[in-house]
Amino acid sequence: MNQVKTINWGIVGAGHIAQRFAQGIAHVREARIARVWSRRAQSVDGFVARFGGQPCARFDDVLASDIDAVYIATLNDSHAEYACAALSAGKHVLCEKPATLNLRQLEGVLDTARASQRLFMEAMKPPFFPLYRKLREHLRTAPIGPVGLVRAGCSVANVPADHPSFSLAEGGGALLDIGIYEMFLAVDWLGAPLDVQTFGRLGPTGVDTFASVHSRHEGGYAQLFCGLDTDGKGDALLAGPLGHVAIHEKWWNPVRATISYVDGRLVELHEPFEGGGLNYETEHFCELIREGALESPVMTHAKSRQMISMTDAARASLGLRFPGE
């Protein structure tokens, strides 16, 4: 029997999302944490004590090691910089959403990945969850027809005032921290955006605290909302001519969906997940490395382009620009 290559990971950032990644990697076959670095050095020792790996004093030390891949779990403003550095050093990169602040930065990252012949993927978790995959499979055999409407939204009212989501300098705001998930849902079912209209508001720190986005796509229309100052439900709707799907709260960590057909049929899907959920995208990424792939067929570079172009358009409507743009 052929031996499966172990994928050695370097983790950049040691905050909440990095910890979720580390919890999940225990559920991924032949994958291990090898190196850990964070700008907040005091957080690394506790992370390593809990999840393993070797602490690094510098980001360059991570890149100089014999790791295979880098997981970037830092704040939004630094994603492009770290991704380009890691790719240029010959490492594959799985980067937390949003992959970059804007389309210009994303094109720079993808150019670097192409030049380095390394795999790059935005860590957009929903399509890898068991429920989402089960839903796709079910709709292939019992379709609701072409999906023509996607409706999704989530708004969180109790975000602490000192949270990075409120930081303009660090690329915060509802659109990039929450809305990017909904942009994914729209492009995944409806295709490329053709027109984006946005209403919303900016908060005292200059980031968007609420946005309502209406978009026209190749396959239909999307109604999306996201916010940091309003409490709003986190479910989603996919509608076609033969029925509709309700992906129940929290749809981005999907467990349950109800499919209602116009002929009266009702189908309930229930697919629990393990390991916190990030393990599924990590497993996929590791398999792509073993196959020598340079792009995911599920979370494609085109989808990342389409998603960030939607947030670019939405931010432009609200007059939101990040430092350096």
C-alpha atoms as a PDB file:
ATOM      1  CA  MET A   1       0.000   0.000   0.000  1.00  0.00           C
ATOM      2  CA  ASN A   2       1.335   3.440  -0.955  1.00  0.00           C
ATOM      3  CA  GLN A   3       2.266   5.633   1.973  1.00  0.00           C
ATOM      4  CA  VAL A   4       0.350   8.915   2.229  1.00  0.00           C
ATOM      5  CA  LYS A   5       2.596  11.960   2.447  1.00  0.00           C
ATOM      6  CA  THR A   6       2.338  13.864   5.723  1.00  0.00           C
ATOM      7  CA  ILE A   7       1.666  17.566   5.148  1.00  0.00           C
ATOM      8  CA  ASN A   8       3.613  19.758   7.562  1.00  0.00           C
ATOM      9  CA  TRP A   9       1.928  23.079   8.311  1.00  0.00           C
ATOM     10  CA  GLY A  10       3.209  26.437   9.395  1.00  0.00           C
ATOM     11  CA  ILE A  11       0.607  28.622  11.070  1.00  0.00           C
ATOM     12  CA  VAL A  12       0.821  32.408  10.838  1.00  0.00           C
ATOM     13  CA  GLY A  13      -1.270  33.944  13.595  1.00  0.00           C
ATOM     14  CA  ALA A  14      -2.297  32.349  16.892  1.00  0.00           C
ATOM     15  CA  GLY A  15      -5.719  33.831  17.577  1.00  0.00           C
ATOM     16  CA  HIS A  16      -9.202  32.322  17.639  1.00  0.00           C
ATOM     17  CA  ILE A  17      -9.397  31.177  14.018  1.00  0.00           C
ATOM     18  CA  ALA A  18      -5.897  29.659  14.164  1.00  0.00           C
ATOM     19  CA  GLN A  19      -6.978  27.713  17.237  1.00  0.00           C
ATOM     20  CA  ARG A  20     -10.018  26.397  15.376  1.00  0.00           C
ATOM     21  CA  PHE A  21      -7.747  25.324  12.528  1.00  0.00           C
ATOM     22  CA  ALA A  22      -5.500  23.528  15.020  1.00  0.00           C
ATOM     23  CA  GLN A  23      -8.470  21.775  16.638  1.00  0.00           C
ATOM     24  CA  GLY A  24      -9.577  20.577  13.243  1.00  0.00           C
ATOM     25  CA  ILE A  25      -6.216  19.312  12.044  1.00  0.00           C
ATOM     26  CA  ALA A  26      -6.466  16.432  14.528  1.00  0.00           C
ATOM     27  CA  HIS A  27      -9.256  15.123  12.268  1.00  0.00           C
ATOM     28  CA  VAL A  28      -7.171  15.381   9.088  1.00  0.00           C
ATOM     29  CA  ARG A  29      -5.183  12.331   8.083  1.00  0.00           C
ATOM     30  CA  GLU A  30      -1.425  12.726   7.801  1.00  0.00           C
ATOM     31  CA  ALA A  31      -1.304  16.428   8.639  1.00  0.00           C
ATOM     32  CA  ARG A  32       0.556  18.085  11.495  1.00  0.00           C
ATOM     33  CA  ILE A  33       1.411  21.503  12.879  1.00  0.00           C
ATOM     34  CA  ALA A  34       5.163  22.021  12.530  1.00  0.00           C
ATOM     35  CA  ARG A  35       5.800  25.772  13.000  1.00  0.00           C
ATOM     36  CA  VAL A  36       3.850  28.637  14.592  1.00  0.00           C
ATOM     37  CA  TRP A  37       4.459  32.389  14.475  1.00  0.00           C
ATOM     38  CA  SER A  38       2.420  35.434  15.433  1.00  0.00           C
ATOM     39  CA  ARG A  39       3.039  39.164  15.664  1.00  0.00           C
ATOM     40  CA  ARG A  40       1.820  38.770  19.235  1.00  0.00           C
ATOM     41  CA  ALA A  41       4.695  36.658  20.492  1.00  0.00           C
ATOM     42  CA  GLN A  42       3.078  36.038  23.876  1.00  0.00           C
ATOM     43  CA  SER A  43       0.244  34.100  22.223  1.00  0.00           C
ATOM     44  CA  VAL A  44       2.542  31.602  20.479  1.00  0.00           C
ATOM     45  CA  ASP A  45       3.795  29.752  23.557  1.00  0.00           C
ATOM     46  CA  GLY A  46       0.270  29.069  24.802  1.00  0.00           C
ATOM     47  CA  PHE A  47      -0.789  27.962  21.331  1.00  0.00           C
ATOM     48  CA  VAL A  48       2.118  25.538  20.988  1.00  0.00           C
ATOM     49  CA  ALA A  49       1.580  24.161  24.497  1.00  0.00           C
ATOM     50  CA  ARG A  50      -2.013  23.347  23.582  1.00  0.00           C
ATOM     51  CA  PHE A  51      -1.733  22.235  19.947  1.00  0.00           C
ATOM     52  CA  GLY A  52       1.909  21.373  19.314  1.00  0.00           C
ATOM     53  CA  GLY A  53       4.414  22.626  16.785  1.00  0.00           C
ATOM     54  CA  GLN A  54       7.609  24.590  17.183  1.00  0.00           C
ATOM     55  CA  PRO A  55       7.402  28.303  18.021  1.00  0.00           C
ATOM     56  CA  CYS A  56       9.200  30.696  15.689  1.00  0.00           C
ATOM     57  CA  ALA A  57      10.568  34.088  16.649  1.00  0.00           C
ATOM     58  CA  ARG A  58      10.167  35.484  13.115  1.00  0.00           C
ATOM     59  CA  PHE A  59       7.887  34.950  10.153  1.00  0.00           C
ATOM     60  CA  ASP A  60      10.981  34.313   8.031  1.00  0.00           C
ATOM     61  CA  ASP A  61      11.845  31.391  10.308  1.00  0.00           C
ATOM     62  CA  VAL A  62       8.556  29.732   9.354  1.00  0.00           C
ATOM     63  CA  LEU A  63       9.339  30.135   5.666  1.00  0.00           C
ATOM     64  CA  ALA A  64      12.898  28.875   6.088  1.00  0.00           C
ATOM     65  CA  SER A  65      11.708  25.624   7.676  1.00  0.00           C
ATOM     66  CA  ASP A  66      10.821  22.421   5.823  1.00  0.00           C
ATOM     67  CA  ILE A  67       7.051  22.905   6.021  1.00  0.00           C
ATOM     68  CA  ASP A  68       4.844  22.144   3.022  1.00  0.00           C
ATOM     69  CA  ALA A  69       2.080  24.691   3.537  1.00  0.00           C
ATOM     70  CA  VAL A  70       1.233  27.890   5.370  1.00  0.00           C
ATOM     71  CA  TYR A  71      -2.136  28.669   6.929  1.00  0.00           C
ATOM     72  CA  ILE A  72      -2.584  32.441   7.218  1.00  0.00           C
ATOM     73  CA  ALA A  73      -4.838  33.355  10.134  1.00  0.00           C
ATOM     74  CA  THR A  74      -3.880  36.994  10.697  1.00  0.00           C
ATOM     75  CA  LEU A  75      -6.013  40.118  10.386  1.00  0.00           C
ATOM     76  CA  ASN A  76      -7.327  41.063   6.968  1.00  0.00           C
ATOM     77  CA  ASP A  77      -4.826  43.817   6.207  1.00  0.00           C
ATOM     78  CA  SER A  78      -1.820  41.454   6.196  1.00  0.00           C
ATOM     79  CA  HIS A  79      -3.188  38.515   4.189  1.00  0.00           C
ATOM     80  CA  ALA A  80      -1.758  39.596   0.836  1.00  0.00           C
ATOM     81  CA  GLU A  81       1.697  40.370   2.235  1.00  0.00           C
ATOM     82  CA  TYR A  82       2.082  37.053   4.041  1.00  0.00           C
ATOM     83  CA  ALA A  83       0.584  35.051   1.189  1.00  0.00           C
ATOM     84  CA  CYS A  84       2.968  36.508  -1.392  1.00  0.00           C
ATOM     85  CA  ALA A  85       5.977  35.962   0.878  1.00  0.00           C
ATOM     86  CA  ALA A  86       5.022  32.346   1.568  1.00  0.00           C
ATOM     87  CA  LEU A  87       4.337  31.549  -2.077  1.00  0.00           C
ATOM     88  CA  SER A  88       7.614  33.143  -3.136  1.00  0.00           C
ATOM     89  CA  ALA A  89       9.375  30.961  -0.566  1.00  0.00           C
ATOM     90  CA  GLY A  90       7.935  27.872  -2.261  1.00  0.00           C
ATOM     91  CA  LYS A  91       5.154  27.117   0.231  1.00  0.00           C
ATOM     92  CA  HIS A  92       1.555  26.313  -0.591  1.00  0.00           C
ATOM     93  CA  VAL A  93      -0.895  28.764   0.991  1.00  0.00           C
ATOM     94  CA  LEU A  94      -4.327  28.347   2.546  1.00  0.00           C
ATOM     95  CA  CYS A  95      -5.408  31.888   3.472  1.00  0.00           C
ATOM     96  CA  GLU A  96      -8.309  32.855   5.698  1.00  0.00           C
ATOM     97  CA  LYS A  97     -11.159  34.799   4.169  1.00  0.00           C
ATOM     98  CA  PRO A  98     -11.127  37.402   2.814  1.00  0.00           C
ATOM     99  CA  ALA A  99      -8.073  36.346   0.810  1.00  0.00           C
ATOM    100  CA  THR A 100      -7.139  40.024   0.390  1.00  0.00           C
ATOM    101  CA  LEU A 101      -8.607  43.472   0.957  1.00  0.00           C
ATOM    102  CA  ASN A 102      -9.424  44.050  -2.707  1.00  0.00           C
ATOM    103  CA  LEU A 103      -9.202  42.621  -6.211  1.00  0.00           C
ATOM    104  CA  ARG A 104      -5.924  44.380  -6.991  1.00  0.00           C
ATOM    105  CA  GLN A 105      -4.230  42.656  -4.057  1.00  0.00           C
ATOM    106  CA  LEU A 106      -5.782  39.310  -4.997  1.00  0.00           C
ATOM    107  CA  GLU A 107      -4.425  39.528  -8.545  1.00  0.00           C
ATOM    108  CA  GLY A 108      -0.973  40.140  -7.069  1.00  0.00           C
ATOM    109  CA  VAL A 109      -1.274  37.025  -4.894  1.00  0.00           C
ATOM    110  CA  LEU A 110      -2.497  34.883  -7.790  1.00  0.00           C
ATOM    111  CA  ASP A 111       0.314  36.172 -10.022  1.00  0.00           C
ATOM    112  CA  THR A 112       2.800  35.148  -7.330  1.00  0.00           C
ATOM    113  CA  ALA A 113       1.197  31.714  -6.977  1.00  0.00           C
ATOM    114  CA  ARG A 114       1.386  31.196 -10.731  1.00  0.00           C
ATOM    115  CA  ALA A 115       5.019  32.315 -10.913  1.00  0.00           C
ATOM    116  CA  SER A 116       5.964  30.105  -7.961  1.00  0.00           C
ATOM    117  CA  GLN A 117       3.899  27.142  -9.199  1.00  0.00           C
ATOM    118  CA  ARG A 118       2.353  26.742  -5.770  1.00  0.00           C
ATOM    119  CA  LEU A 119      -1.198  26.049  -4.622  1.00  0.00           C
ATOM    120  CA  PHE A 120      -3.219  28.971  -3.280  1.00  0.00           C
ATOM    121  CA  MET A 121      -6.757  28.716  -1.903  1.00  0.00           C
ATOM    122  CA  GLU A 122      -8.989  31.068   0.025  1.00  0.00           C
ATOM    123  CA  ALA A 123     -10.202  29.306   3.169  1.00  0.00           C
ATOM    124  CA  MET A 124     -13.932  29.481   2.485  1.00  0.00           C
ATOM    125  CA  LYS A 125     -15.281  26.631   4.604  1.00  0.00           C
ATOM    126  CA  PRO A 126     -19.004  26.172   3.719  1.00  0.00           C
ATOM    127  CA  PRO A 127     -18.676  24.145   0.490  1.00  0.00           C
ATOM    128  CA  PHE A 128     -16.606  21.478   2.245  1.00  0.00           C
ATOM    129  CA  PHE A 129     -19.066  20.778   5.070  1.00  0.00           C
ATOM    130  CA  PRO A 130     -20.930  17.431   4.917  1.00  0.00           C
ATOM    131  CA  LEU A 131     -24.326  19.175   4.765  1.00  0.00           C
ATOM    132  CA  TYR A 132     -23.357  21.414   1.856  1.00  0.00           C
ATOM    133  CA  ARG A 133     -21.919  18.480  -0.102  1.00  0.00           C
ATOM    134  CA  LYS A 134     -25.024  16.398   0.685  1.00  0.00           C
ATOM    135  CA  LEU A 135     -27.251  19.230  -0.528  1.00  0.00           C
ATOM    136  CA  ARG A 136     -25.336  19.493  -3.801  1.00  0.00           C
ATOM    137  CA  GLU A 137     -25.632  15.738  -4.296  1.00  0.00           C
ATOM    138  CA  HIS A 138     -29.356  15.716  -3.523  1.00  0.00           C
ATOM    139  CA  LEU A 139     -30.145  18.578  -5.908  1.00  0.00           C
ATOM    140  CA  ARG A 140     -28.347  16.812  -8.735  1.00  0.00           C
ATOM    141  CA  THR A 141     -30.804  13.907  -8.529  1.00  0.00           C
ATOM    142  CA  ALA A 142     -33.889  15.804  -7.316  1.00  0.00           C
ATOM    143  CA  PRO A 143     -33.419  19.367  -8.570  1.00  0.00           C
ATOM    144  CA  ILE A 144     -35.353  22.494  -7.745  1.00  0.00           C
ATOM    145  CA  GLY A 145     -34.414  23.719 -11.202  1.00  0.00           C
ATOM    146  CA  PRO A 146     -31.778  26.374 -11.852  1.00  0.00           C
ATOM    147  CA  VAL A 147     -31.290  28.472  -8.727  1.00  0.00           C
ATOM    148  CA  GLY A 148     -32.376  31.996  -9.600  1.00  0.00           C
ATOM    149  CA  LEU A 149     -32.431  33.669  -6.188  1.00  0.00           C
ATOM    150  CA  VAL A 150     -30.035  33.528  -3.253  1.00  0.00           C
ATOM    151  CA  ARG A 151     -30.961  35.253  -0.025  1.00  0.00           C
ATOM    152  CA  ALA A 152     -28.587  35.226   2.950  1.00  0.00           C
ATOM    153  CA  GLY A 153     -27.672  37.415   5.855  1.00  0.00           C
ATOM    154  CA  CYS A 154     -26.152  37.671   9.279  1.00  0.00           C
ATOM    155  CA  SER A 155     -25.683  40.613  11.572  1.00  0.00           C
ATOM    156  CA  VAL A 156     -24.058  40.432  15.003  1.00  0.00           C
ATOM    157  CA  ALA A 157     -24.930  43.135  17.512  1.00  0.00           C
ATOM    158  CA  ASN A 158     -22.666  42.255  20.438  1.00  0.00           C
ATOM    159  CA  VAL A 159     -19.206  42.633  18.867  1.00  0.00           C
ATOM    160  CA  PRO A 160     -16.881  44.276  21.449  1.00  0.00           C
ATOM    161  CA  ALA A 161     -15.921  47.842  20.605  1.00  0.00           C
ATOM    162  CA  ASP A 162     -12.214  46.954  20.583  1.00  0.00           C
ATOM    163  CA  HIS A 163     -12.641  44.020  18.192  1.00  0.00           C
ATOM    164  CA  PRO A 164     -10.530  44.154  14.981  1.00  0.00           C
ATOM    165  CA  SER A 165     -13.763  44.118  12.970  1.00  0.00           C
ATOM    166  CA  PHE A 166     -14.093  47.802  13.862  1.00  0.00           C
ATOM    167  CA  SER A 167     -10.531  48.660  12.807  1.00  0.00           C
ATOM    168  CA  LEU A 168     -10.187  50.548   9.527  1.00  0.00           C
ATOM    169  CA  ALA A 169      -6.399  50.145   9.525  1.00  0.00           C
ATOM    170  CA  GLU A 170      -6.710  46.358   9.859  1.00  0.00           C
ATOM    171  CA  GLY A 171      -9.291  45.931   7.107  1.00  0.00           C
ATOM    172  CA  GLY A 172     -12.344  45.430   9.280  1.00  0.00           C
ATOM    173  CA  GLY A 173     -16.012  45.960   8.592  1.00  0.00           C
ATOM    174  CA  ALA A 174     -19.093  43.800   8.128  1.00  0.00           C
ATOM    175  CA  LEU A 175     -18.587  43.236   4.396  1.00  0.00           C
ATOM    176  CA  LEU A 176     -15.161  41.612   4.688  1.00  0.00           C
ATOM    177  CA  ASP A 177     -15.693  39.842   8.013  1.00  0.00           C
ATOM    178  CA  ILE A 178     -19.239  38.535   7.475  1.00  0.00           C
ATOM    179  CA  GLY A 179     -20.491  39.507   4.028  1.00  0.00           C
ATOM    180  CA  ILE A 180     -17.727  37.646   2.206  1.00  0.00           C
ATOM    181  CA  TYR A 181     -19.437  34.369   3.202  1.00  0.00           C
ATOM    182  CA  GLU A 182     -22.658  35.550   1.599  1.00  0.00           C
ATOM    183  CA  MET A 183     -20.804  36.711  -1.508  1.00  0.00           C
ATOM    184  CA  PHE A 184     -19.525  33.136  -1.777  1.00  0.00           C
ATOM    185  CA  LEU A 185     -23.033  31.696  -1.572  1.00  0.00           C
ATOM    186  CA  ALA A 186     -24.192  34.051  -4.306  1.00  0.00           C
ATOM    187  CA  VAL A 187     -21.405  33.302  -6.783  1.00  0.00           C
ATOM    188  CA  ASP A 188     -21.415  29.573  -5.988  1.00  0.00           C
ATOM    189  CA  TRP A 189     -25.053  29.192  -7.052  1.00  0.00           C
ATOM    190  CA  LEU A 190     -25.562  32.140  -9.418  1.00  0.00           C
ATOM    191  CA  GLY A 191     -22.189  32.668 -11.084  1.00  0.00           C
ATOM    192  CA  ALA A 192     -20.288  35.869 -11.722  1.00  0.00           C
ATOM    193  CA  PRO A 193     -21.774  39.180 -10.559  1.00  0.00           C
ATOM    194  CA  LEU A 194     -22.909  41.581 -13.275  1.00  0.00           C
ATOM    195  CA  ASP A 195     -24.182  44.443 -11.135  1.00  0.00           C
ATOM    196  CA  VAL A 196     -23.962  45.257  -7.413  1.00  0.00           C
ATOM    197  CA  GLN A 197     -26.110  47.815  -5.574  1.00  0.00           C
ATOM    198  CA  THR A 198     -25.479  48.561  -1.917  1.00  0.00           C
ATOM    199  CA  PHE A 199     -27.067  50.553   0.879  1.00  0.00           C
ATOM    200  CA  GLY A 200     -25.516  50.787   4.304  1.00  0.00           C
ATOM    201  CA  ARG A 201     -23.752  52.859   6.892  1.00  0.00           C
ATOM    202  CA  LEU A 202     -20.281  53.512   8.220  1.00  0.00           C
ATOM    203  CA  GLY A 203     -19.615  53.569  11.952  1.00  0.00           C
ATOM    204  CA  PRO A 204     -17.502  55.929  14.067  1.00  0.00           C
ATOM    205  CA  THR A 205     -14.262  54.116  13.194  1.00  0.00           C
ATOM    206  CA  GLY A 206     -14.876  54.415   9.445  1.00  0.00           C
ATOM    207  CA  VAL A 207     -15.752  50.774   8.677  1.00  0.00           C
ATOM    208  CA  ASP A 208     -19.127  49.556   7.475  1.00  0.00           C
ATOM    209  CA  THR A 209     -21.359  48.524  10.358  1.00  0.00           C
ATOM    210  CA  PHE A 210     -24.285  47.485   8.155  1.00  0.00           C
ATOM    211  CA  ALA A 211     -24.660  46.738   4.459  1.00  0.00           C
ATOM    212  CA  SER A 212     -27.577  45.549   2.352  1.00  0.00           C
ATOM    213  CA  VAL A 213     -26.354  44.231  -0.989  1.00  0.00           C
ATOM    214  CA  HIS A 214     -28.503  43.446  -4.012  1.00  0.00           C
ATOM    215  CA  SER A 215     -26.680  41.845  -6.913  1.00  0.00           C
ATOM    216  CA  ARG A 216     -27.464  40.594 -10.406  1.00  0.00           C
ATOM    217  CA  HIS A 217     -25.535  37.532 -11.561  1.00  0.00           C
ATOM    218  CA  GLU A 218     -25.225  35.352 -14.638  1.00  0.00           C
ATOM    219  CA  GLY A 219     -27.831  33.003 -13.192  1.00  0.00           C
ATOM    220  CA  GLY A 220     -30.120  35.277 -11.196  1.00  0.00           C
ATOM    221  CA  TYR A 221     -30.288  37.629  -8.233  1.00  0.00           C
ATOM    222  CA  ALA A 222     -28.979  37.811  -4.675  1.00  0.00           C
ATOM    223  CA  GLN A 223     -30.261  39.663  -1.610  1.00  0.00           C
ATOM    224  CA  LEU A 224     -27.589  39.811   1.095  1.00  0.00           C
ATOM    225  CA  PHE A 225     -27.020  41.678   4.351  1.00  0.00           C
ATOM    226  CA  CYS A 226     -24.327  41.857   7.006  1.00  0.00           C
ATOM    227  CA  GLY A 227     -23.782  43.995  10.059  1.00  0.00           C
ATOM    228  CA  LEU A 228     -21.926  44.673  13.284  1.00  0.00           C
ATOM    229  CA  ASP A 229     -24.546  46.747  15.100  1.00  0.00           C
ATOM    230  CA  THR A 230     -27.812  44.889  14.499  1.00  0.00           C
ATOM    231  CA  ASP A 231     -28.954  41.431  15.554  1.00  0.00           C
ATOM    232  CA  GLY A 232     -29.956  39.447  12.478  1.00  0.00           C
ATOM    233  CA  LYS A 233     -30.618  35.806  11.704  1.00  0.00           C
ATOM    234  CA  GLY A 234     -27.998  33.692   9.957  1.00  0.00           C
ATOM    235  CA  ASP A 235     -29.986  31.514   7.566  1.00  0.00           C
ATOM    236  CA  ALA A 236     -30.029  31.266   3.774  1.00  0.00           C
ATOM    237  CA  LEU A 237     -32.477  30.611   0.942  1.00  0.00           C
ATOM    238  CA  LEU A 238     -31.876  29.106  -2.501  1.00  0.00           C
ATOM    239  CA  ALA A 239     -34.895  29.396  -4.803  1.00  0.00           C
ATOM    240  CA  GLY A 240     -35.648  27.787  -8.167  1.00  0.00           C
ATOM    241  CA  PRO A 241     -38.724  27.149 -10.311  1.00  0.00           C
ATOM    242  CA  LEU A 242     -39.383  23.704  -8.810  1.00  0.00           C
ATOM    243  CA  GLY A 243     -38.825  24.538  -5.150  1.00  0.00           C
ATOM    244  CA  HIS A 244     -36.592  26.197  -2.622  1.00  0.00           C
ATOM    245  CA  VAL A 245     -33.967  25.302  -0.013  1.00  0.00           C
ATOM    246  CA  ALA A 246     -33.691  26.749   3.476  1.00  0.00           C
ATOM    247  CA  ILE A 247     -30.214  26.289   4.942  1.00  0.00           C
ATOM    248  CA  HIS A 248     -30.824  26.806   8.616  1.00  0.00           C
ATOM    249  CA  GLU A 249     -28.870  28.981  11.018  1.00  0.00           C
ATOM    250  CA  LYS A 250     -25.847  29.138  11.037  1.00  0.00           C
ATOM    251  CA  TRP A 251     -25.747  28.467   7.314  1.00  0.00           C
ATOM    252  CA  TRP A 252     -21.951  29.001   7.005  1.00  0.00           C
ATOM    253  CA  ASN A 253     -21.454  26.123   9.492  1.00  0.00           C
ATOM    254  CA  PRO A 254     -24.307  24.158   7.918  1.00  0.00           C
ATOM    255  CA  VAL A 255     -25.934  21.236   9.683  1.00  0.00           C
ATOM    256  CA  ARG A 256     -29.592  21.274   8.570  1.00  0.00           C
ATOM    257  CA  ALA A 257     -31.430  22.114   5.371  1.00  0.00           C
ATOM    258  CA  THR A 258     -35.069  21.827   4.322  1.00  0.00           C
ATOM    259  CA  ILE A 259     -35.957  21.364   0.661  1.00  0.00           C
ATOM    260  CA  SER A 260     -39.547  22.300  -0.232  1.00  0.00           C
ATOM    261  CA  TYR A 261     -40.832  21.336  -3.678  1.00  0.00           C
ATOM    262  CA  VAL A 262     -43.760  23.020  -5.409  1.00  0.00           C
ATOM    263  CA  ASP A 263     -45.457  19.613  -5.736  1.00  0.00           C
ATOM    264  CA  GLY A 264     -45.645  19.341  -1.938  1.00  0.00           C
ATOM    265  CA  ARG A 265     -42.638  17.128  -1.271  1.00  0.00           C
ATOM    266  CA  LEU A 266     -40.554  18.060   1.756  1.00  0.00           C
ATOM    267  CA  VAL A 267     -37.026  16.751   2.326  1.00  0.00           C
ATOM    268  CA  GLU A 268     -35.029  17.308   5.515  1.00  0.00           C
ATOM    269  CA  LEU A 269     -31.240  16.975   5.457  1.00  0.00           C
ATOM    270  CA  HIS A 270     -29.226  16.678   8.652  1.00  0.00           C
ATOM    271  CA  GLU A 271     -25.454  16.236   8.476  1.00  0.00           C
ATOM    272  CA  PRO A 272     -23.502  17.018  11.678  1.00  0.00           C
ATOM    273  CA  PHE A 273     -19.849  17.962  11.380  1.00  0.00           C
ATOM    274  CA  GLU A 274     -16.822  17.159  13.492  1.00  0.00           C
ATOM    275  CA  GLY A 275     -13.621  18.901  14.468  1.00  0.00           C
ATOM    276  CA  GLY A 276     -15.012  22.435  14.363  1.00  0.00           C
ATOM    277  CA  GLY A 277     -15.523  22.288  10.599  1.00  0.00           C
ATOM    278  CA  LEU A 278     -12.245  23.740   9.331  1.00  0.00           C
ATOM    279  CA  ASN A 279     -10.860  20.223   9.017  1.00  0.00           C
ATOM    280  CA  TYR A 280     -12.863  19.605   5.821  1.00  0.00           C
ATOM    281  CA  GLU A 281     -11.257  22.437   3.839  1.00  0.00           C
ATOM    282  CA  THR A 282      -7.868  21.444   5.294  1.00  0.00           C
ATOM    283  CA  GLU A 283      -8.314  17.826   4.191  1.00  0.00           C
ATOM    284  CA  HIS A 284      -9.227  19.032   0.700  1.00  0.00           C
ATOM    285  CA  PHE A 285      -6.183  21.300   0.568  1.00  0.00           C
ATOM    286  CA  CYS A 286      -3.829  18.521   1.694  1.00  0.00           C
ATOM    287  CA  GLU A 287      -5.172  16.218  -1.020  1.00  0.00           C
ATOM    288  CA  LEU A 288      -4.603  18.930  -3.632  1.00  0.00           C
ATOM    289  CA  ILE A 289      -0.973  19.232  -2.520  1.00  0.00           C
ATOM    290  CA  ARG A 290      -0.495  15.475  -2.854  1.00  0.00           C
ATOM    291  CA  GLU A 291      -2.028  15.593  -6.341  1.00  0.00           C
ATOM    292  CA  GLY A 292       0.241  18.455  -7.432  1.00  0.00           C
ATOM    293  CA  ALA A 293      -2.724  20.744  -8.090  1.00  0.00           C
ATOM    294  CA  LEU A 294      -2.295  24.517  -8.272  1.00  0.00           C
ATOM    295  CA  GLU A 295      -5.959  25.440  -7.817  1.00  0.00           C
ATOM    296  CA  SER A 296      -8.973  23.985  -6.033  1.00  0.00           C
ATOM    297  CA  PRO A 297     -11.810  22.851  -8.299  1.00  0.00           C
ATOM    298  CA  VAL A 298     -14.231  23.725  -5.468  1.00  0.00           C
ATOM    299  CA  MET A 299     -12.922  27.068  -4.174  1.00  0.00           C
ATOM    300  CA  THR A 300     -11.553  28.331  -7.458  1.00  0.00           C
ATOM    301  CA  HIS A 301      -9.525  31.464  -8.083  1.00  0.00           C
ATOM    302  CA  ALA A 302     -12.412  32.724 -10.230  1.00  0.00           C
ATOM    303  CA  LYS A 303     -14.776  32.520  -7.264  1.00  0.00           C
ATOM    304  CA  SER A 304     -12.326  34.422  -5.079  1.00  0.00           C
ATOM    305  CA  ARG A 305     -12.119  37.099  -7.776  1.00  0.00           C
ATOM    306  CA  GLN A 306     -15.904  37.309  -8.052  1.00  0.00           C
ATOM    307  CA  MET A 307     -16.402  37.534  -4.286  1.00  0.00           C
ATOM    308  CA  ILE A 308     -13.848  40.267  -3.699  1.00  0.00           C
ATOM    309  CA  SER A 309     -15.094  42.219  -6.718  1.00  0.00           C
ATOM    310  CA  MET A 310     -18.499  42.268  -5.046  1.00  0.00           C
ATOM    311  CA  THR A 311     -17.068  43.649  -1.786  1.00  0.00           C
ATOM    312  CA  ASP A 312     -15.038  46.184  -3.786  1.00  0.00           C
ATOM    313  CA  ALA A 313     -18.221  47.408  -5.475  1.00  0.00           C
ATOM    314  CA  ALA A 314     -20.155  47.462  -2.198  1.00  0.00           C
ATOM    315  CA  ARG A 315     -17.427  49.409  -0.404  1.00  0.00           C
ATOM    316  CA  ALA A 316     -17.245  51.890  -3.260  1.00  0.00           C
ATOM    317  CA  SER A 317     -20.983  52.552  -2.904  1.00  0.00           C
ATOM    318  CA  LEU A 318     -20.528  53.232   0.808  1.00  0.00           C
ATOM    319  CA  GLY A 319     -17.401  55.357   0.342  1.00  0.00           C
ATOM    320  CA  LEU A 320     -15.251  52.956   2.346  1.00  0.00           C
ATOM    321  CA  ARG A 321     -11.542  52.935   1.535  1.00  0.00           C
ATOM    322  CA  PHE A 322      -8.794  51.267   3.520  1.00  0.00           C
ATOM    323  CA  PRO A 323      -5.443  52.970   4.150  1.00  0.00           C
ATOM    324  CA  GLY A 324      -3.200  52.671   1.106  1.00  0.00           C
ATOM    325  CA  GLU A 325      -5.991  52.070  -1.384  1.00  0.00           C
END
